[in-house]
Amino acid sequence: MFTTSVGLAIGFSCLTLPTYARSQTALEESSSQATQVAQNTRGSRAQAPAQTPRAQAAPRESRRQPRPRAQQRQNRQRRANPSQPALRVVDGPVVKSIVVEGNKKIEVDAIIAKLATKEGEGFTAAKVREDLGLLFKTGFFYDVKVDREAVEGGVRLTYSVVEKPAITSIVFSGNSELDSDELSTAAGIKAYEVLNMARIRSAVEKVQKLYEDKGYF
């Protein structure tokens, strides 16, 4: 029993020692290799050239759109002569002249003053329609027509008007209780006014009310 146990112990020891020796040798070789790799790494870091600083980007130039030559020339002219008014922009052909026909009692200047269309400005159909409305609104005309004619440099507009008749005189008859001056004051209409049937009806109503107030009705 003693011999067997000793043999087993020795055999175990013999099997263990070579393995341990090989392990120690492998560890030493691995440590040596690691040390050499570390030294090589430090050497390569020391020898590596310093990186050059990144060049700063050049400032970006502003991209301004060039102005048209005509606009530049106009700006120079305005700076040279600030009092010069800006050029007027027209929408359509220029209205070179305005003519009024058919008027008998109402002056041409008074009619033109009512128009939205002006000489020297651009012609537009919208303004002509506005002109018709303005003239009819005065109550002086039965009819208004506008003709356009092309002329050199633009157009000529002709306004043909038909005036309403005017009141030439006012006469009261059959007034035995009230005199004509009192009736005329109450009626509120005068001679040489443009005939307006609404105003005539209003005058009749005012005269009737005057007679009622006086106790004659």
N, C-alpha and C. Protein backbone atom coordinates (compact mmCIF):
# COMPACT_ATOMS: atom_id res chain seq x y z
N MET A 1 0.82 -1.19 0.00
CA MET A 1 0.00 0.00 0.00
C MET A 1 0.86 1.25 0.00
N PHE A 2 1.90 1.22 0.81
CA PHE A 2 2.78 2.38 0.90
C PHE A 2 3.48 2.63 -0.41
N THR A 3 3.95 1.52 -1.06
CA THR A 3 4.68 1.67 -2.30
C THR A 3 3.77 2.17 -3.41
N THR A 4 2.57 1.71 -3.42
CA THR A 4 1.63 2.12 -4.47
C THR A 4 1.29 3.58 -4.35
N SER A 5 1.05 4.03 -3.10
CA SER A 5 0.70 5.42 -2.93
C SER A 5 1.84 6.33 -3.28
N VAL A 6 3.09 5.85 -2.93
CA VAL A 6 4.23 6.69 -3.28
C VAL A 6 4.40 6.75 -4.79
N GLY A 7 4.19 5.63 -5.46
CA GLY A 7 4.31 5.64 -6.90
C GLY A 7 3.28 6.52 -7.56
N LEU A 8 2.12 6.51 -7.01
CA LEU A 8 1.08 7.38 -7.58
C LEU A 8 1.43 8.83 -7.36
N ALA A 9 1.95 9.12 -6.21
CA ALA A 9 2.32 10.51 -5.93
C ALA A 9 3.43 10.97 -6.84
N ILE A 10 4.40 10.07 -7.02
CA ILE A 10 5.50 10.46 -7.89
C ILE A 10 5.02 10.59 -9.32
N GLY A 11 4.19 9.68 -9.74
CA GLY A 11 3.68 9.77 -11.10
C GLY A 11 2.88 11.06 -11.34
N PHE A 12 2.14 11.46 -10.40
CA PHE A 12 1.37 12.71 -10.53
C PHE A 12 2.28 13.91 -10.65
N SER A 13 3.39 13.79 -9.79
CA SER A 13 4.34 14.89 -9.83
C SER A 13 5.07 14.94 -11.15
N CYS A 14 5.43 13.76 -11.69
CA CYS A 14 6.12 13.73 -12.96
C CYS A 14 5.23 14.26 -14.09
N LEU A 15 3.99 13.98 -14.04
CA LEU A 15 3.09 14.47 -15.08
C LEU A 15 2.86 15.99 -14.99
N THR A 16 2.94 16.52 -13.80
CA THR A 16 2.63 17.94 -13.57
C THR A 16 3.79 18.84 -13.89
N LEU A 17 5.00 18.44 -13.59
CA LEU A 17 6.15 19.32 -13.75
C LEU A 17 6.38 19.74 -15.19
N PRO A 18 6.37 18.82 -16.16
CA PRO A 18 6.59 19.29 -17.54
C PRO A 18 5.51 20.27 -18.02
N THR A 19 4.30 20.02 -17.64
CA THR A 19 3.22 20.95 -18.05
C THR A 19 3.42 22.32 -17.46
N TYR A 20 3.82 22.36 -16.19
CA TYR A 20 4.04 23.63 -15.52
C TYR A 20 5.19 24.38 -16.18
N ALA A 21 6.28 23.57 -16.51
CA ALA A 21 7.43 24.22 -17.14
C ALA A 21 7.05 24.83 -18.49
N ARG A 22 6.28 24.08 -19.26
CA ARG A 22 5.87 24.64 -20.55
C ARG A 22 4.99 25.88 -20.38
N SER A 23 4.14 25.89 -19.40
CA SER A 23 3.28 27.05 -19.14
C SER A 23 4.11 28.26 -18.77
N GLN A 24 5.13 28.03 -17.90
CA GLN A 24 5.98 29.14 -17.49
C GLN A 24 6.73 29.71 -18.68
N THR A 25 7.23 28.79 -19.55
CA THR A 25 7.96 29.26 -20.73
C THR A 25 7.05 30.06 -21.67
N ALA A 26 5.82 29.57 -21.82
CA ALA A 26 4.87 30.31 -22.69
C ALA A 26 4.54 31.68 -22.13
N LEU A 27 4.40 31.74 -20.79
CA LEU A 27 4.08 33.04 -20.18
C LEU A 27 5.23 34.02 -20.35
N GLU A 28 6.48 33.49 -20.16
CA GLU A 28 7.62 34.40 -20.32
C GLU A 28 7.73 34.90 -21.74
N GLU A 29 7.51 33.98 -22.72
CA GLU A 29 7.59 34.43 -24.11
C GLU A 29 6.49 35.44 -24.44
N SER A 30 5.31 35.19 -23.92
CA SER A 30 4.20 36.13 -24.17
C SER A 30 4.48 37.48 -23.57
N SER A 31 5.03 37.48 -22.30
CA SER A 31 5.34 38.75 -21.65
C SER A 31 6.40 39.50 -22.42
N SER A 32 7.42 38.75 -22.92
CA SER A 32 8.50 39.38 -23.68
C SER A 32 7.97 40.01 -24.97
N GLN A 33 7.07 39.26 -25.63
CA GLN A 33 6.49 39.79 -26.87
C GLN A 33 5.65 41.04 -26.59
N ALA A 34 4.89 41.02 -25.50
CA ALA A 34 4.06 42.18 -25.16
C ALA A 34 4.91 43.39 -24.87
N THR A 35 6.03 43.17 -24.15
CA THR A 35 6.92 44.29 -23.84
C THR A 35 7.52 44.86 -25.11
N GLN A 36 7.92 43.99 -26.03
CA GLN A 36 8.50 44.47 -27.29
C GLN A 36 7.48 45.25 -28.11
N VAL A 37 6.24 44.77 -28.14
CA VAL A 37 5.18 45.48 -28.89
C VAL A 37 4.93 46.85 -28.30
N ALA A 38 4.95 46.91 -26.94
CA ALA A 38 4.73 48.21 -26.29
C ALA A 38 5.84 49.18 -26.62
N GLN A 39 7.09 48.69 -26.61
CA GLN A 39 8.21 49.57 -26.94
C GLN A 39 8.14 50.05 -28.38
N ASN A 40 7.80 49.09 -29.27
CA ASN A 40 7.67 49.50 -30.68
C ASN A 40 6.57 50.55 -30.85
N THR A 41 5.46 50.41 -30.12
CA THR A 41 4.35 51.37 -30.25
C THR A 41 4.75 52.75 -29.77
N ARG A 42 5.48 52.80 -28.61
CA ARG A 42 5.93 54.09 -28.09
C ARG A 42 6.91 54.74 -29.05
N GLY A 43 7.76 53.89 -29.66
CA GLY A 43 8.72 54.44 -30.60
C GLY A 43 8.06 55.01 -31.83
N SER A 44 7.03 54.30 -32.33
CA SER A 44 6.34 54.81 -33.52
C SER A 44 5.58 56.08 -33.22
N ARG A 45 5.03 56.19 -31.99
CA ARG A 45 4.33 57.44 -31.63
C ARG A 45 5.31 58.59 -31.55
N ALA A 46 6.47 58.31 -31.00
CA ALA A 46 7.46 59.39 -30.88
C ALA A 46 7.96 59.84 -32.22
N GLN A 47 8.09 58.89 -33.16
CA GLN A 47 8.63 59.23 -34.47
C GLN A 47 7.57 59.77 -35.43
N ALA A 48 6.30 59.63 -35.11
CA ALA A 48 5.25 60.09 -36.03
C ALA A 48 5.30 61.60 -36.17
N PRO A 49 5.26 62.13 -37.35
CA PRO A 49 5.33 63.60 -37.54
C PRO A 49 4.06 64.26 -37.04
N ALA A 50 4.24 65.44 -36.50
CA ALA A 50 3.09 66.20 -36.00
C ALA A 50 2.18 66.58 -37.15
N GLN A 51 0.89 66.48 -36.89
CA GLN A 51 -0.09 66.82 -37.92
C GLN A 51 -0.12 68.33 -38.14
N THR A 52 -0.15 68.67 -39.37
CA THR A 52 -0.20 70.09 -39.71
C THR A 52 -1.58 70.64 -39.41
N PRO A 53 -1.66 71.83 -38.84
CA PRO A 53 -2.99 72.40 -38.54
C PRO A 53 -3.79 72.59 -39.81
N ARG A 54 -5.09 72.38 -39.68
CA ARG A 54 -6.00 72.51 -40.83
C ARG A 54 -6.07 73.96 -41.28
N ALA A 55 -5.93 74.12 -42.53
CA ALA A 55 -5.95 75.48 -43.07
C ALA A 55 -7.35 76.07 -42.92
N GLN A 56 -7.38 77.29 -42.49
CA GLN A 56 -8.67 77.96 -42.32
C GLN A 56 -9.30 78.22 -43.69
N ALA A 57 -10.60 77.97 -43.70
CA ALA A 57 -11.33 78.18 -44.95
C ALA A 57 -11.33 79.65 -45.30
N ALA A 58 -11.16 79.92 -46.54
CA ALA A 58 -11.18 81.31 -47.00
C ALA A 58 -12.57 81.89 -46.83
N PRO A 59 -12.67 83.13 -46.38
CA PRO A 59 -14.01 83.73 -46.20
C PRO A 59 -14.80 83.70 -47.50
N ARG A 60 -16.05 83.33 -47.35
CA ARG A 60 -16.93 83.23 -48.52
C ARG A 60 -17.32 84.62 -49.01
N GLU A 61 -17.15 84.80 -50.26
CA GLU A 61 -17.49 86.09 -50.83
C GLU A 61 -19.01 86.21 -50.96
N SER A 62 -19.51 87.39 -50.65
CA SER A 62 -20.95 87.62 -50.78
C SER A 62 -21.34 87.62 -52.24
N ARG A 63 -22.42 86.93 -52.51
CA ARG A 63 -22.90 86.81 -53.89
C ARG A 63 -24.04 87.79 -54.11
N ARG A 64 -23.73 88.96 -54.46
CA ARG A 64 -24.74 89.98 -54.75
C ARG A 64 -25.06 89.95 -56.24
N GLN A 65 -26.33 89.89 -56.47
CA GLN A 65 -26.75 89.88 -57.86
C GLN A 65 -26.46 91.23 -58.51
N PRO A 66 -25.83 91.25 -59.65
CA PRO A 66 -25.56 92.55 -60.29
C PRO A 66 -26.85 93.22 -60.74
N ARG A 67 -26.93 94.51 -60.52
CA ARG A 67 -28.11 95.25 -60.92
C ARG A 67 -28.08 95.50 -62.43
N PRO A 68 -29.24 95.52 -63.02
CA PRO A 68 -29.28 95.84 -64.46
C PRO A 68 -28.67 97.20 -64.72
N ARG A 69 -28.09 97.34 -65.90
CA ARG A 69 -27.43 98.61 -66.23
C ARG A 69 -28.41 99.77 -66.25
N ALA A 70 -29.63 99.50 -66.73
CA ALA A 70 -30.61 100.58 -66.78
C ALA A 70 -30.93 101.09 -65.38
N GLN A 71 -31.07 100.16 -64.42
CA GLN A 71 -31.37 100.57 -63.06
C GLN A 71 -30.19 101.30 -62.44
N GLN A 72 -28.96 100.84 -62.71
CA GLN A 72 -27.79 101.54 -62.20
C GLN A 72 -27.71 102.95 -62.76
N ARG A 73 -28.00 103.10 -64.06
CA ARG A 73 -27.97 104.42 -64.66
C ARG A 73 -29.03 105.33 -64.05
N GLN A 74 -30.23 104.76 -63.81
CA GLN A 74 -31.30 105.56 -63.21
C GLN A 74 -30.95 105.99 -61.79
N ASN A 75 -30.31 105.07 -61.01
CA ASN A 75 -29.91 105.42 -59.65
C ASN A 75 -28.86 106.52 -59.65
N ARG A 76 -27.92 106.46 -60.62
CA ARG A 76 -26.92 107.53 -60.70
C ARG A 76 -27.56 108.86 -61.04
N GLN A 77 -28.56 108.84 -61.91
CA GLN A 77 -29.24 110.08 -62.27
C GLN A 77 -30.00 110.66 -61.08
N ARG A 78 -30.63 109.78 -60.29
CA ARG A 78 -31.36 110.28 -59.12
C ARG A 78 -30.40 110.87 -58.09
N ARG A 79 -29.24 110.21 -57.92
CA ARG A 79 -28.28 110.78 -56.97
C ARG A 79 -27.73 112.11 -57.47
N ALA A 80 -27.55 112.22 -58.78
CA ALA A 80 -27.04 113.48 -59.33
C ALA A 80 -28.07 114.59 -59.25
N ASN A 81 -29.36 114.24 -59.40
CA ASN A 81 -30.44 115.22 -59.38
C ASN A 81 -31.58 114.69 -58.52
N PRO A 82 -31.48 114.86 -57.17
CA PRO A 82 -32.50 114.28 -56.28
C PRO A 82 -33.88 114.86 -56.51
N SER A 83 -33.98 116.08 -57.02
CA SER A 83 -35.29 116.71 -57.19
C SER A 83 -36.06 116.15 -58.38
N GLN A 84 -35.40 115.35 -59.22
CA GLN A 84 -36.07 114.83 -60.41
C GLN A 84 -37.08 113.77 -60.01
N PRO A 85 -38.36 113.89 -60.40
CA PRO A 85 -39.36 112.91 -60.00
C PRO A 85 -39.11 111.56 -60.65
N ALA A 86 -39.59 110.51 -59.99
CA ALA A 86 -39.46 109.16 -60.54
C ALA A 86 -40.34 109.01 -61.77
N LEU A 87 -39.90 108.13 -62.67
CA LEU A 87 -40.66 107.91 -63.89
C LEU A 87 -42.00 107.27 -63.56
N ARG A 88 -43.06 107.69 -64.21
CA ARG A 88 -44.40 107.16 -63.97
C ARG A 88 -44.62 105.94 -64.86
N VAL A 89 -45.08 104.88 -64.25
CA VAL A 89 -45.33 103.63 -64.97
C VAL A 89 -46.80 103.59 -65.37
N VAL A 90 -47.07 103.34 -66.63
CA VAL A 90 -48.43 103.29 -67.14
C VAL A 90 -48.79 101.86 -67.44
N ASP A 91 -50.08 101.53 -67.28
CA ASP A 91 -50.56 100.17 -67.48
C ASP A 91 -50.84 99.88 -68.95
N GLY A 92 -51.37 100.85 -69.69
CA GLY A 92 -51.74 100.65 -71.07
C GLY A 92 -51.23 101.79 -71.92
N PRO A 93 -51.80 101.96 -73.12
CA PRO A 93 -51.38 103.09 -73.96
C PRO A 93 -51.68 104.42 -73.27
N VAL A 94 -50.83 105.37 -73.51
CA VAL A 94 -50.96 106.66 -72.85
C VAL A 94 -52.15 107.43 -73.43
N VAL A 95 -52.93 108.04 -72.55
CA VAL A 95 -54.04 108.89 -72.97
C VAL A 95 -53.46 110.24 -73.38
N LYS A 96 -53.43 110.48 -74.69
CA LYS A 96 -52.83 111.72 -75.19
C LYS A 96 -53.78 112.91 -75.06
N SER A 97 -55.08 112.67 -75.25
CA SER A 97 -56.04 113.79 -75.16
C SER A 97 -57.42 113.25 -74.82
N ILE A 98 -58.23 114.13 -74.22
CA ILE A 98 -59.62 113.82 -73.87
C ILE A 98 -60.51 114.88 -74.50
N VAL A 99 -61.50 114.43 -75.26
CA VAL A 99 -62.41 115.33 -75.98
C VAL A 99 -63.82 115.10 -75.45
N VAL A 100 -64.58 116.18 -75.29
CA VAL A 100 -65.98 116.10 -74.84
C VAL A 100 -66.86 116.68 -75.94
N GLU A 101 -67.89 115.93 -76.31
CA GLU A 101 -68.85 116.36 -77.34
C GLU A 101 -70.28 116.24 -76.81
N GLY A 102 -71.16 117.10 -77.37
CA GLY A 102 -72.59 117.04 -77.05
C GLY A 102 -73.02 117.90 -75.88
N ASN A 103 -72.10 118.48 -75.18
CA ASN A 103 -72.48 119.32 -74.03
C ASN A 103 -72.96 120.68 -74.52
N LYS A 104 -73.98 121.20 -73.88
CA LYS A 104 -74.55 122.50 -74.24
C LYS A 104 -74.49 123.49 -73.07
N LYS A 105 -74.84 123.03 -71.90
CA LYS A 105 -74.86 123.94 -70.74
C LYS A 105 -73.68 123.71 -69.80
N ILE A 106 -73.24 122.47 -69.71
CA ILE A 106 -72.16 122.12 -68.78
C ILE A 106 -70.83 122.28 -69.49
N GLU A 107 -69.90 122.97 -68.85
CA GLU A 107 -68.60 123.25 -69.46
C GLU A 107 -67.74 121.99 -69.57
N VAL A 108 -66.85 122.03 -70.57
CA VAL A 108 -65.97 120.88 -70.81
C VAL A 108 -65.06 120.63 -69.61
N ASP A 109 -64.50 121.70 -69.04
CA ASP A 109 -63.60 121.53 -67.91
C ASP A 109 -64.30 120.88 -66.72
N ALA A 110 -65.59 121.23 -66.52
CA ALA A 110 -66.33 120.65 -65.41
C ALA A 110 -66.55 119.15 -65.63
N ILE A 111 -66.76 118.75 -66.88
CA ILE A 111 -66.95 117.33 -67.18
C ILE A 111 -65.64 116.56 -67.01
N ILE A 112 -64.55 117.11 -67.55
CA ILE A 112 -63.25 116.43 -67.46
C ILE A 112 -62.81 116.30 -66.00
N ALA A 113 -63.14 117.30 -65.19
CA ALA A 113 -62.75 117.25 -63.78
C ALA A 113 -63.41 116.09 -63.04
N LYS A 114 -64.54 115.63 -63.53
CA LYS A 114 -65.24 114.51 -62.89
C LYS A 114 -64.65 113.15 -63.26
N LEU A 115 -63.81 113.08 -64.29
CA LEU A 115 -63.32 111.81 -64.81
C LEU A 115 -62.18 111.27 -63.95
N ALA A 116 -62.14 109.93 -63.86
CA ALA A 116 -61.01 109.27 -63.21
C ALA A 116 -59.83 109.15 -64.17
N THR A 117 -60.12 109.10 -65.47
CA THR A 117 -59.07 109.04 -66.48
C THR A 117 -58.46 110.43 -66.67
N LYS A 118 -57.13 110.48 -66.71
CA LYS A 118 -56.43 111.75 -66.86
C LYS A 118 -55.46 111.67 -68.04
N GLU A 119 -55.26 112.80 -68.68
CA GLU A 119 -54.29 112.86 -69.77
C GLU A 119 -52.88 112.58 -69.24
N GLY A 120 -52.11 111.82 -70.02
CA GLY A 120 -50.76 111.47 -69.62
C GLY A 120 -50.66 110.19 -68.84
N GLU A 121 -51.78 109.65 -68.40
CA GLU A 121 -51.79 108.39 -67.67
C GLU A 121 -52.15 107.23 -68.60
N GLY A 122 -51.98 106.02 -68.11
CA GLY A 122 -52.27 104.85 -68.91
C GLY A 122 -53.77 104.61 -69.06
N PHE A 123 -54.16 104.17 -70.24
CA PHE A 123 -55.57 103.85 -70.49
C PHE A 123 -55.90 102.47 -69.93
N THR A 124 -57.03 102.39 -69.21
CA THR A 124 -57.55 101.12 -68.74
C THR A 124 -59.06 101.13 -68.89
N ALA A 125 -59.61 99.95 -69.22
CA ALA A 125 -61.06 99.85 -69.36
C ALA A 125 -61.76 100.06 -68.02
N ALA A 126 -61.09 99.69 -66.94
CA ALA A 126 -61.70 99.86 -65.61
C ALA A 126 -61.92 101.34 -65.30
N LYS A 127 -60.97 102.18 -65.66
CA LYS A 127 -61.14 103.62 -65.42
C LYS A 127 -62.25 104.20 -66.28
N VAL A 128 -62.38 103.73 -67.51
CA VAL A 128 -63.46 104.24 -68.38
C VAL A 128 -64.82 103.87 -67.79
N ARG A 129 -64.95 102.65 -67.29
CA ARG A 129 -66.22 102.28 -66.64
C ARG A 129 -66.49 103.15 -65.42
N GLU A 130 -65.42 103.47 -64.69
CA GLU A 130 -65.58 104.36 -63.55
C GLU A 130 -66.01 105.75 -64.00
N ASP A 131 -65.48 106.22 -65.13
CA ASP A 131 -65.87 107.52 -65.67
C ASP A 131 -67.38 107.57 -65.96
N LEU A 132 -67.91 106.53 -66.58
CA LEU A 132 -69.34 106.50 -66.89
C LEU A 132 -70.18 106.60 -65.63
N GLY A 133 -69.78 105.85 -64.61
CA GLY A 133 -70.53 105.91 -63.35
C GLY A 133 -70.48 107.29 -62.71
N LEU A 134 -69.32 107.93 -62.76
CA LEU A 134 -69.19 109.26 -62.17
C LEU A 134 -70.03 110.30 -62.90
N LEU A 135 -70.07 110.23 -64.23
CA LEU A 135 -70.85 111.20 -65.00
C LEU A 135 -72.35 111.00 -64.80
N PHE A 136 -72.81 109.75 -64.80
CA PHE A 136 -74.24 109.51 -64.56
C PHE A 136 -74.65 109.91 -63.14
N LYS A 137 -73.71 109.79 -62.22
CA LYS A 137 -74.01 110.13 -60.82
C LYS A 137 -74.29 111.62 -60.64
N THR A 138 -73.78 112.45 -61.54
CA THR A 138 -74.04 113.89 -61.42
C THR A 138 -75.51 114.23 -61.66
N GLY A 139 -76.20 113.36 -62.41
CA GLY A 139 -77.61 113.64 -62.71
C GLY A 139 -77.82 114.60 -63.85
N PHE A 140 -76.76 114.95 -64.56
CA PHE A 140 -76.87 115.93 -65.64
C PHE A 140 -77.09 115.30 -67.01
N PHE A 141 -76.91 113.99 -67.15
CA PHE A 141 -76.88 113.38 -68.47
C PHE A 141 -77.88 112.22 -68.58
N TYR A 142 -78.49 112.16 -69.77
CA TYR A 142 -79.31 111.01 -70.11
C TYR A 142 -78.45 109.86 -70.62
N ASP A 143 -77.39 110.18 -71.35
CA ASP A 143 -76.57 109.14 -71.97
C ASP A 143 -75.12 109.63 -72.07
N VAL A 144 -74.19 108.68 -71.96
CA VAL A 144 -72.75 108.97 -72.10
C VAL A 144 -72.12 107.81 -72.85
N LYS A 145 -71.33 108.14 -73.87
CA LYS A 145 -70.60 107.13 -74.63
C LYS A 145 -69.14 107.54 -74.72
N VAL A 146 -68.26 106.54 -74.80
CA VAL A 146 -66.82 106.79 -74.88
C VAL A 146 -66.26 106.07 -76.10
N ASP A 147 -65.54 106.81 -76.94
CA ASP A 147 -64.88 106.23 -78.11
C ASP A 147 -63.37 106.37 -77.94
N ARG A 148 -62.64 105.34 -78.32
CA ARG A 148 -61.18 105.35 -78.24
C ARG A 148 -60.61 105.33 -79.65
N GLU A 149 -59.65 106.19 -79.88
CA GLU A 149 -59.00 106.28 -81.19
C GLU A 149 -57.49 106.27 -81.01
N ALA A 150 -56.82 105.41 -81.77
CA ALA A 150 -55.36 105.33 -81.69
C ALA A 150 -54.73 106.52 -82.39
N VAL A 151 -53.82 107.17 -81.71
CA VAL A 151 -53.07 108.30 -82.26
C VAL A 151 -51.59 108.05 -82.01
N GLU A 152 -50.77 108.93 -82.53
CA GLU A 152 -49.33 108.77 -82.36
C GLU A 152 -48.95 108.89 -80.88
N GLY A 153 -48.34 107.86 -80.36
CA GLY A 153 -47.89 107.89 -78.97
C GLY A 153 -48.93 107.45 -77.96
N GLY A 154 -50.13 107.08 -78.39
CA GLY A 154 -51.14 106.66 -77.42
C GLY A 154 -52.54 106.61 -78.01
N VAL A 155 -53.52 107.06 -77.23
CA VAL A 155 -54.91 107.04 -77.66
C VAL A 155 -55.58 108.36 -77.33
N ARG A 156 -56.67 108.65 -78.06
CA ARG A 156 -57.51 109.81 -77.78
C ARG A 156 -58.89 109.30 -77.40
N LEU A 157 -59.42 109.81 -76.29
CA LEU A 157 -60.73 109.41 -75.80
C LEU A 157 -61.73 110.53 -76.05
N THR A 158 -62.88 110.15 -76.61
CA THR A 158 -63.95 111.11 -76.89
C THR A 158 -65.18 110.71 -76.07
N TYR A 159 -65.64 111.62 -75.22
CA TYR A 159 -66.82 111.40 -74.39
C TYR A 159 -68.00 112.15 -75.01
N SER A 160 -68.96 111.39 -75.53
CA SER A 160 -70.17 111.99 -76.13
C SER A 160 -71.28 111.94 -75.10
N VAL A 161 -71.79 113.11 -74.74
CA VAL A 161 -72.80 113.19 -73.68
C VAL A 161 -74.11 113.73 -74.25
N VAL A 162 -75.19 113.29 -73.61
CA VAL A 162 -76.53 113.83 -73.92
C VAL A 162 -77.06 114.42 -72.62
N GLU A 163 -77.12 115.74 -72.59
CA GLU A 163 -77.54 116.41 -71.36
C GLU A 163 -79.06 116.33 -71.17
N LYS A 164 -79.45 116.35 -69.93
CA LYS A 164 -80.86 116.47 -69.62
C LYS A 164 -81.30 117.91 -69.87
N PRO A 165 -82.58 118.13 -70.19
CA PRO A 165 -83.03 119.51 -70.44
C PRO A 165 -82.98 120.33 -69.16
N ALA A 166 -82.85 121.63 -69.34
CA ALA A 166 -82.78 122.54 -68.20
C ALA A 166 -84.11 123.24 -68.02
N ILE A 167 -84.35 123.70 -66.82
CA ILE A 167 -85.57 124.45 -66.50
C ILE A 167 -85.34 125.90 -66.91
N THR A 168 -86.07 126.36 -67.87
CA THR A 168 -85.89 127.75 -68.33
C THR A 168 -86.68 128.74 -67.48
N SER A 169 -87.87 128.34 -67.01
CA SER A 169 -88.68 129.25 -66.19
C SER A 169 -89.65 128.44 -65.33
N ILE A 170 -90.12 129.05 -64.23
CA ILE A 170 -91.08 128.42 -63.32
C ILE A 170 -92.28 129.37 -63.20
N VAL A 171 -93.45 128.86 -63.53
CA VAL A 171 -94.66 129.67 -63.50
C VAL A 171 -95.71 128.97 -62.64
N PHE A 172 -96.34 129.70 -61.72
CA PHE A 172 -97.42 129.17 -60.89
C PHE A 172 -98.73 129.82 -61.37
N SER A 173 -99.75 129.00 -61.49
CA SER A 173 -101.06 129.52 -61.92
C SER A 173 -102.13 129.01 -60.96
N GLY A 174 -103.21 129.84 -60.80
CA GLY A 174 -104.34 129.47 -59.93
C GLY A 174 -104.07 129.71 -58.47
N ASN A 175 -103.00 130.33 -58.11
CA ASN A 175 -102.68 130.59 -56.70
C ASN A 175 -103.26 131.93 -56.27
N SER A 176 -104.50 131.89 -55.79
CA SER A 176 -105.16 133.13 -55.34
C SER A 176 -104.88 133.39 -53.87
N GLU A 177 -104.63 132.35 -53.08
CA GLU A 177 -104.41 132.55 -51.64
C GLU A 177 -102.94 132.85 -51.33
N LEU A 178 -101.98 132.28 -52.05
CA LEU A 178 -100.54 132.46 -51.79
C LEU A 178 -99.88 133.01 -53.05
N ASP A 179 -98.92 133.93 -52.86
CA ASP A 179 -98.26 134.51 -54.03
C ASP A 179 -97.17 133.57 -54.56
N SER A 180 -96.70 133.87 -55.77
CA SER A 180 -95.76 132.99 -56.47
C SER A 180 -94.40 132.93 -55.78
N ASP A 181 -93.96 134.03 -55.19
CA ASP A 181 -92.66 134.03 -54.52
C ASP A 181 -92.66 133.06 -53.33
N GLU A 182 -93.75 133.05 -52.58
CA GLU A 182 -93.84 132.14 -51.44
C GLU A 182 -93.88 130.68 -51.90
N LEU A 183 -94.58 130.43 -52.99
CA LEU A 183 -94.63 129.07 -53.53
C LEU A 183 -93.27 128.64 -54.09
N SER A 184 -92.57 129.56 -54.74
CA SER A 184 -91.26 129.24 -55.30
C SER A 184 -90.26 128.90 -54.20
N THR A 185 -90.34 129.65 -53.10
CA THR A 185 -89.43 129.35 -51.98
C THR A 185 -89.73 127.98 -51.39
N ALA A 186 -90.99 127.66 -51.27
CA ALA A 186 -91.35 126.34 -50.72
C ALA A 186 -90.97 125.20 -51.65
N ALA A 187 -91.07 125.42 -52.97
CA ALA A 187 -90.77 124.36 -53.94
C ALA A 187 -89.29 124.01 -53.93
N GLY A 188 -88.40 124.99 -53.81
CA GLY A 188 -86.97 124.73 -53.72
C GLY A 188 -86.29 124.46 -55.03
N ILE A 189 -86.94 124.77 -56.15
CA ILE A 189 -86.29 124.61 -57.46
C ILE A 189 -86.14 125.99 -58.09
N LYS A 190 -85.15 126.10 -58.98
CA LYS A 190 -84.86 127.37 -59.61
C LYS A 190 -84.72 127.19 -61.11
N ALA A 191 -84.84 128.31 -61.79
CA ALA A 191 -84.66 128.27 -63.25
C ALA A 191 -83.21 127.98 -63.59
N TYR A 192 -83.03 127.39 -64.78
CA TYR A 192 -81.73 127.05 -65.34
C TYR A 192 -81.07 125.84 -64.64
N GLU A 193 -81.83 125.19 -63.80
CA GLU A 193 -81.34 123.94 -63.26
C GLU A 193 -81.63 122.81 -64.24
N VAL A 194 -80.85 121.75 -64.15
CA VAL A 194 -81.09 120.58 -65.00
C VAL A 194 -82.38 119.90 -64.52
N LEU A 195 -83.19 119.52 -65.49
CA LEU A 195 -84.46 118.89 -65.16
C LEU A 195 -84.23 117.57 -64.44
N ASN A 196 -84.82 117.49 -63.25
CA ASN A 196 -84.72 116.28 -62.44
C ASN A 196 -86.13 115.97 -61.94
N MET A 197 -86.70 114.87 -62.48
CA MET A 197 -88.09 114.55 -62.17
C MET A 197 -88.29 114.25 -60.69
N ALA A 198 -87.28 113.71 -60.05
CA ALA A 198 -87.41 113.45 -58.61
C ALA A 198 -87.54 114.77 -57.85
N ARG A 199 -86.78 115.78 -58.24
CA ARG A 199 -86.88 117.08 -57.59
C ARG A 199 -88.22 117.75 -57.91
N ILE A 200 -88.76 117.53 -59.11
CA ILE A 200 -90.07 118.10 -59.46
C ILE A 200 -91.15 117.49 -58.58
N ARG A 201 -91.14 116.19 -58.40
CA ARG A 201 -92.14 115.55 -57.53
C ARG A 201 -92.00 116.04 -56.09
N SER A 202 -90.76 116.20 -55.64
CA SER A 202 -90.56 116.72 -54.28
C SER A 202 -91.08 118.15 -54.15
N ALA A 203 -90.93 118.98 -55.22
CA ALA A 203 -91.43 120.37 -55.17
C ALA A 203 -92.95 120.40 -55.08
N VAL A 204 -93.61 119.51 -55.83
CA VAL A 204 -95.08 119.46 -55.76
C VAL A 204 -95.55 119.10 -54.36
N GLU A 205 -94.90 118.13 -53.74
CA GLU A 205 -95.27 117.72 -52.37
C GLU A 205 -95.05 118.86 -51.38
N LYS A 206 -93.99 119.62 -51.54
CA LYS A 206 -93.72 120.74 -50.63
C LYS A 206 -94.78 121.84 -50.77
N VAL A 207 -95.23 122.12 -52.01
CA VAL A 207 -96.27 123.14 -52.20
C VAL A 207 -97.59 122.67 -51.58
N GLN A 208 -97.92 121.42 -51.76
CA GLN A 208 -99.15 120.90 -51.14
C GLN A 208 -99.10 120.99 -49.63
N LYS A 209 -97.95 120.69 -49.05
CA LYS A 209 -97.81 120.77 -47.58
C LYS A 209 -97.94 122.21 -47.10
N LEU A 210 -97.42 123.15 -47.91
CA LEU A 210 -97.55 124.56 -47.54
C LEU A 210 -99.03 124.96 -47.47
N TYR A 211 -99.83 124.51 -48.45
CA TYR A 211 -101.26 124.83 -48.42
C TYR A 211 -101.95 124.18 -47.22
N GLU A 212 -101.52 122.98 -46.88
CA GLU A 212 -102.12 122.31 -45.71
C GLU A 212 -101.78 123.06 -44.42
N ASP A 213 -100.51 123.50 -44.30
CA ASP A 213 -100.09 124.24 -43.11
C ASP A 213 -100.86 125.57 -42.99
N LYS A 214 -101.20 126.17 -44.12
CA LYS A 214 -101.93 127.43 -44.11
C LYS A 214 -103.43 127.23 -43.89
N GLY A 215 -103.86 126.01 -43.91
CA GLY A 215 -105.28 125.71 -43.69
C GLY A 215 -106.15 125.83 -44.91
N TYR A 216 -105.57 125.72 -46.09
CA TYR A 216 -106.38 125.82 -47.32
C TYR A 216 -106.81 124.45 -47.84
N PHE A 217 -106.34 123.38 -47.24
CA PHE A 217 -106.76 122.06 -47.63
C PHE A 217 -107.51 121.43 -46.49
